[in-house]
Amino acid sequence: MESEPEPTSFILQTLTDPSLQGVSWTYIIIGGLTILVLLFFSAIFSASENAFFSLTPKDMSDLEEENSRASSMAIRLLEYPDRAMAGRRLLATILLLNNFVNISLVIFSTLYSTNLIETFQWDLTYLQEKLIQVVLITFVLVVFGEVVPKVYATQNNKLIA
C-alpha cells in the first residue's frame, strides 16, 4: 500500500515537473492577487451599503457629535443636496460599483481558472470544469463578498459608514 506523498514533496515535484517549465508563475500570482483585490472591493461595497442604510437617527446624531472628518463625510453623503435625493444617489452608486466589481470578478476568475486547468493539464470534462467554476466562484463571492461584510457592517455600521 502506497503512502500519501507529503505536501511539501508534492509542491516540489509540481514546481520541478518538466512539463510545467513554461508555466508563467507571475501570471498565476498576479491573477490570484487580482481576484483577491476584486473580492476585497466587493466586500467594501457590500459593507458600505449595509452600513449607510442601517444607520438609525441616534447613529446619525452620534456621527454629527463626533466632529471628525470621516463622520462629516458620511453625513454629507447621506444628506447632500437633500436627504431623499442623497440616499438614492448613494445607494445607486454603491450598487452600480458593486455589480461592476462582481461581474468583473466572475469574468476574470472564470478565465483565470480555465487557464489554470489548461496549464496544469487537469483531466476534467467541460461540464466538470464549468460546475467547479460556478460553484466555487459563487460560494466565494456570496460568502466573502456579500454575507460576511454585510453581517460585520450591520454590527459596526457607524464605524463602516
Protein backbone atom coordinates (compact mmCIF):
# COMPACT_ATOMS: atom_id res chain seq x y z
CA MET A 1 0.00 0.00 0.00
CA GLU A 2 1.44 3.33 -1.08
CA SER A 3 1.61 6.17 1.37
CA GLU A 4 0.39 9.64 0.52
CA PRO A 5 3.22 12.00 -0.51
CA GLU A 6 3.96 14.82 1.88
CA PRO A 7 2.55 18.20 0.79
CA THR A 8 6.00 19.77 0.52
CA SER A 9 7.27 16.98 -1.72
CA PHE A 10 4.14 17.32 -3.89
CA ILE A 11 4.79 21.06 -4.26
CA LEU A 12 8.44 20.46 -5.10
CA GLN A 13 7.50 17.79 -7.65
CA THR A 14 4.97 20.16 -9.21
CA LEU A 15 7.45 23.04 -9.39
CA THR A 16 10.17 20.87 -10.93
CA ASP A 17 7.86 18.92 -13.28
CA PRO A 18 9.42 19.23 -16.76
CA SER A 19 6.00 19.56 -18.41
CA LEU A 20 5.37 22.73 -16.38
CA GLN A 21 8.63 24.52 -17.14
CA GLY A 22 6.85 27.00 -19.44
CA VAL A 23 4.29 27.95 -16.80
CA SER A 24 4.18 31.65 -16.04
CA TRP A 25 4.18 31.73 -12.25
CA THR A 26 3.98 35.51 -12.45
CA TYR A 27 0.63 35.19 -14.25
CA ILE A 28 -0.61 32.75 -11.62
CA ILE A 29 0.38 35.00 -8.71
CA ILE A 30 -0.85 38.25 -10.29
CA GLY A 31 -4.11 36.57 -11.32
CA GLY A 32 -4.70 35.30 -7.79
CA LEU A 33 -3.94 38.72 -6.34
CA THR A 34 -6.30 40.36 -8.84
CA ILE A 35 -9.10 38.04 -7.72
CA LEU A 36 -8.39 38.91 -4.07
CA VAL A 37 -8.41 42.66 -4.82
CA LEU A 38 -11.73 42.41 -6.67
CA LEU A 39 -13.16 40.35 -3.80
CA PHE A 40 -11.94 42.99 -1.34
CA PHE A 41 -13.71 45.77 -3.29
CA SER A 42 -16.89 43.69 -3.46
CA ALA A 43 -16.74 43.29 0.32
CA ILE A 44 -16.15 47.03 0.83
CA PHE A 45 -19.13 47.99 -1.35
CA SER A 46 -21.42 45.42 0.27
CA ALA A 47 -20.41 46.52 3.76
CA SER A 48 -20.85 50.21 2.96
CA GLU A 49 -24.31 49.59 1.52
CA ASN A 50 -25.43 47.88 4.69
CA ALA A 51 -23.66 50.34 6.99
CA PHE A 52 -25.09 53.50 5.45
CA PHE A 53 -28.63 52.27 5.21
CA SER A 54 -28.82 50.72 8.67
CA LEU A 55 -27.94 53.95 10.47
CA THR A 56 -30.63 54.98 12.92
CA PRO A 57 -31.44 58.62 13.78
CA LYS A 58 -29.45 58.12 17.02
CA ASP A 59 -26.47 56.88 14.99
CA MET A 60 -26.73 59.96 12.77
CA SER A 61 -26.74 62.27 15.78
CA ASP A 62 -23.74 60.39 17.22
CA LEU A 63 -21.91 60.94 13.93
CA GLU A 64 -22.77 64.64 13.99
CA GLU A 65 -21.40 64.95 17.54
CA GLU A 66 -18.11 63.24 16.63
CA ASN A 67 -16.82 66.20 14.60
CA SER A 68 -14.33 64.03 12.74
CA ARG A 69 -13.63 64.28 9.04
CA ALA A 70 -14.92 60.74 8.42
CA SER A 71 -18.19 61.31 10.25
CA SER A 72 -18.83 64.63 8.49
CA MET A 73 -18.19 62.95 5.12
CA ALA A 74 -20.63 60.14 5.97
CA ILE A 75 -23.29 62.67 6.94
CA ARG A 76 -22.66 64.67 3.77
CA LEU A 77 -23.04 61.55 1.62
CA LEU A 78 -26.43 60.89 3.21
CA GLU A 79 -27.75 64.45 3.23
CA TYR A 80 -26.35 66.44 0.26
CA PRO A 81 -28.12 68.05 -1.64
CA ASP A 82 -31.17 66.83 0.27
CA ARG A 83 -31.77 63.73 2.37
CA ALA A 84 -34.16 61.96 -0.04
CA MET A 85 -32.07 62.51 -3.14
CA ALA A 86 -28.70 61.84 -1.49
CA GLY A 87 -29.80 58.45 -0.18
CA ARG A 88 -30.99 57.37 -3.62
CA ARG A 89 -27.82 58.57 -5.32
CA LEU A 90 -25.59 56.91 -2.75
CA LEU A 91 -27.47 53.62 -2.99
CA ALA A 92 -27.41 53.70 -6.80
CA THR A 93 -23.68 54.44 -6.82
CA ILE A 94 -22.84 51.68 -4.36
CA LEU A 95 -24.99 49.13 -6.20
CA LEU A 96 -23.55 50.03 -9.61
CA LEU A 97 -19.98 49.80 -8.35
CA ASN A 98 -20.67 46.53 -6.53
CA ASN A 99 -22.27 44.99 -9.63
CA PHE A 100 -19.38 46.17 -11.81
CA VAL A 101 -16.84 44.62 -9.44
CA ASN A 102 -18.83 41.37 -9.07
CA ILE A 103 -19.21 40.96 -12.84
CA SER A 104 -15.50 41.68 -13.31
CA LEU A 105 -14.68 39.14 -10.61
CA VAL A 106 -16.81 36.42 -12.20
CA ILE A 107 -15.44 37.02 -15.71
CA PHE A 108 -11.81 37.25 -14.60
CA SER A 109 -11.96 34.25 -12.26
CA THR A 110 -13.61 32.12 -14.95
CA LEU A 111 -10.89 32.98 -17.45
CA TYR A 112 -8.22 32.52 -14.80
CA SER A 113 -9.48 29.11 -13.67
CA THR A 114 -9.84 27.92 -17.28
CA ASN A 115 -6.24 28.94 -17.88
CA LEU A 116 -5.11 27.13 -14.71
CA ILE A 117 -6.95 23.95 -15.70
CA GLU A 118 -5.28 24.02 -19.13
CA THR A 119 -1.84 24.91 -17.71
CA PHE A 120 -1.78 22.13 -15.16
CA GLN A 121 -3.48 19.73 -17.59
CA TRP A 122 -6.14 18.61 -15.15
CA ASP A 123 -8.30 16.00 -16.80
CA LEU A 124 -11.79 17.45 -16.41
CA THR A 125 -14.77 17.29 -18.71
CA TYR A 126 -16.30 20.55 -19.87
CA LEU A 127 -19.24 20.03 -17.51
CA GLN A 128 -16.97 19.33 -14.52
CA GLU A 129 -14.89 22.40 -15.28
CA LYS A 130 -17.92 24.72 -15.54
CA LEU A 131 -19.59 23.19 -12.48
CA ILE A 132 -16.46 23.72 -10.37
CA GLN A 133 -16.14 27.28 -11.65
CA VAL A 134 -19.77 28.18 -10.98
CA VAL A 135 -19.96 26.58 -7.54
CA LEU A 136 -16.57 27.83 -6.34
CA ILE A 137 -16.90 31.37 -7.68
CA THR A 138 -20.48 31.70 -6.43
CA PHE A 139 -19.61 30.37 -2.99
CA VAL A 140 -16.58 32.65 -2.55
CA LEU A 141 -18.40 35.72 -3.87
CA VAL A 142 -21.54 35.19 -1.79
CA VAL A 143 -19.75 34.34 1.46
CA PHE A 144 -16.74 36.68 1.35
CA GLY A 145 -18.08 39.40 -0.92
CA GLU A 146 -21.62 39.70 0.42
CA VAL A 147 -22.63 37.85 3.60
CA VAL A 148 -19.61 38.31 5.89
CA PRO A 149 -19.16 42.03 5.05
CA LYS A 150 -22.88 42.75 5.50
CA VAL A 151 -23.02 40.98 8.86
CA TYR A 152 -19.93 42.88 10.02
CA ALA A 153 -21.30 46.19 8.71
CA THR A 154 -24.64 45.69 10.44
CA GLN A 155 -22.86 45.23 13.76
CA ASN A 156 -20.43 48.13 13.15
CA ASN A 157 -22.47 50.48 10.98
CA LYS A 158 -21.10 53.77 12.36
CA LEU A 159 -17.51 52.58 12.02
CA ILE A 160 -18.00 51.39 8.43
CA ALA A 161 -20.05 54.44 7.34
